[in-house]
Amino acid sequence: MSQNSHITIEEGSTNVYADLGYADAAEMQRKSQLAAEIARAIKARRLTQQGAAALLEIDQSKISRITRGQFRGVSEAKLLELVAKLGHDVKIVVGPVRRRAGKIELQFA
């Protein structure tokens, strides 16, 4: 690089999917977090993909796709179910009504 070259760096948000322009960015981020937790839980339990598939009662190929971050076509509800089957408690809290649209967020203990 020459001394006259300039590199422009743009700071992103906390949601890479929003930065990339996805219309469903918030949902994609939540699903990504759930998929990552599924992968962590499978690793922590030292399960093979076949063992995880048997425990979770889904195809091994679907486990493979989810743990590689390919979760399009898998609902948030299904991902939450898989997290629960891997031993996590899942708690959904509905808060008070507000004058603006509510938000959905995940917390991992």
Protein backbone atom coordinates (compact mmCIF):
# COMPACT_ATOMS: atom_id res chain seq x y z
CA MET A 1 0.00 0.00 0.00
CA SER A 2 1.26 3.45 -0.77
CA GLN A 3 1.38 6.15 1.87
CA ASN A 4 -1.49 7.98 0.13
CA SER A 5 -3.89 5.01 0.39
CA HIS A 6 -6.81 5.44 2.72
CA ILE A 7 -8.85 2.67 4.20
CA THR A 8 -12.39 3.50 5.18
CA ILE A 9 -13.72 1.53 8.10
CA GLU A 10 -17.42 1.57 8.83
CA GLU A 11 -18.55 0.55 12.29
CA GLY A 12 -21.32 -2.00 12.21
CA SER A 13 -24.26 -2.47 14.50
CA THR A 14 -24.59 -5.36 16.94
CA ASN A 15 -26.54 -7.30 14.30
CA VAL A 16 -24.57 -8.43 11.25
CA TYR A 17 -27.80 -9.43 9.49
CA ALA A 18 -29.10 -5.86 9.77
CA ASP A 19 -25.76 -4.58 8.49
CA LEU A 20 -26.16 -6.88 5.48
CA GLY A 21 -29.68 -5.57 4.83
CA TYR A 22 -31.79 -8.61 5.73
CA ALA A 23 -35.44 -7.70 6.26
CA ASP A 24 -35.75 -10.33 9.01
CA ALA A 25 -32.46 -9.38 10.70
CA ALA A 26 -33.68 -9.61 14.31
CA GLU A 27 -35.10 -13.10 13.76
CA MET A 28 -31.94 -14.22 11.96
CA GLN A 29 -29.79 -13.01 14.85
CA ARG A 30 -31.91 -14.89 17.41
CA LYS A 31 -31.81 -18.04 15.30
CA SER A 32 -28.05 -17.67 14.96
CA GLN A 33 -27.69 -17.42 18.75
CA LEU A 34 -29.86 -20.51 19.24
CA ALA A 35 -27.92 -22.47 16.61
CA ALA A 36 -24.64 -21.53 18.31
CA GLU A 37 -26.02 -22.68 21.67
CA ILE A 38 -27.13 -25.98 20.13
CA ALA A 39 -23.62 -26.51 18.74
CA ARG A 40 -22.06 -25.64 22.14
CA ALA A 41 -24.40 -28.01 23.99
CA ILE A 42 -23.69 -30.88 21.58
CA LYS A 43 -19.95 -30.33 22.02
CA ALA A 44 -20.21 -29.99 25.82
CA ARG A 45 -22.12 -33.28 25.99
CA ARG A 46 -19.54 -34.86 23.67
CA LEU A 47 -22.25 -36.09 21.34
CA THR A 48 -21.56 -37.17 17.80
CA GLN A 49 -23.90 -35.76 15.19
CA GLN A 50 -25.57 -39.16 15.04
CA GLY A 51 -25.96 -39.20 18.83
CA ALA A 52 -27.35 -35.67 18.80
CA ALA A 53 -29.75 -36.57 16.00
CA ALA A 54 -31.06 -39.54 18.00
CA LEU A 55 -31.45 -37.44 21.16
CA LEU A 56 -33.11 -34.57 19.31
CA GLU A 57 -35.19 -36.85 17.09
CA ILE A 58 -34.19 -35.13 13.84
CA ASP A 59 -32.06 -36.10 10.86
CA GLN A 60 -28.30 -35.95 11.25
CA SER A 61 -28.09 -33.79 8.12
CA LYS A 62 -30.31 -31.18 9.79
CA ILE A 63 -28.01 -31.18 12.86
CA SER A 64 -25.07 -30.67 10.55
CA ARG A 65 -26.72 -27.72 8.79
CA ILE A 66 -27.85 -26.05 12.04
CA THR A 67 -24.45 -26.35 13.70
CA ARG A 68 -22.83 -24.82 10.60
CA GLY A 69 -25.18 -21.83 10.80
CA GLN A 70 -27.49 -22.91 8.01
CA PHE A 71 -30.80 -22.54 9.81
CA ARG A 72 -33.05 -21.01 7.17
CA GLY A 73 -36.16 -23.14 6.98
CA VAL A 74 -35.91 -24.05 10.68
CA SER A 75 -38.33 -22.12 12.89
CA GLU A 76 -37.33 -20.34 16.08
CA ALA A 77 -39.80 -22.59 17.89
CA LYS A 78 -38.00 -25.70 16.60
CA LEU A 79 -34.61 -24.29 17.65
CA LEU A 80 -35.99 -23.53 21.12
CA GLU A 81 -37.32 -27.10 21.32
CA LEU A 82 -33.87 -28.47 20.43
CA VAL A 83 -32.20 -26.26 23.06
CA ALA A 84 -34.63 -27.64 25.67
CA LYS A 85 -33.99 -31.25 24.58
CA LEU A 86 -30.27 -30.58 25.11
CA GLY A 87 -30.95 -29.82 28.78
CA HIS A 88 -31.49 -26.07 28.81
CA ASP A 89 -34.49 -24.51 30.52
CA VAL A 90 -36.31 -22.21 28.10
CA LYS A 91 -38.39 -19.44 29.63
CA ILE A 92 -40.61 -17.10 27.64
CA VAL A 93 -41.71 -13.95 29.46
CA VAL A 94 -44.40 -11.67 28.08
CA GLY A 95 -44.10 -8.18 29.53
CA PRO A 96 -46.56 -5.32 29.88
CA VAL A 97 -48.19 -3.60 26.91
CA ARG A 98 -46.32 -0.53 25.65
CA ARG A 99 -47.17 2.20 23.20
CA ARG A 100 -44.43 1.02 20.85
CA ALA A 101 -43.76 -2.34 19.32
CA GLY A 102 -42.25 -4.82 21.74
CA LYS A 103 -39.00 -6.66 21.18
CA ILE A 104 -37.84 -10.23 21.42
CA GLU A 105 -34.46 -10.93 22.97
CA LEU A 106 -32.57 -13.97 24.17
CA GLN A 107 -30.58 -14.30 27.38
CA PHE A 108 -28.29 -17.22 28.06
CA ALA A 109 -27.56 -18.00 31.71
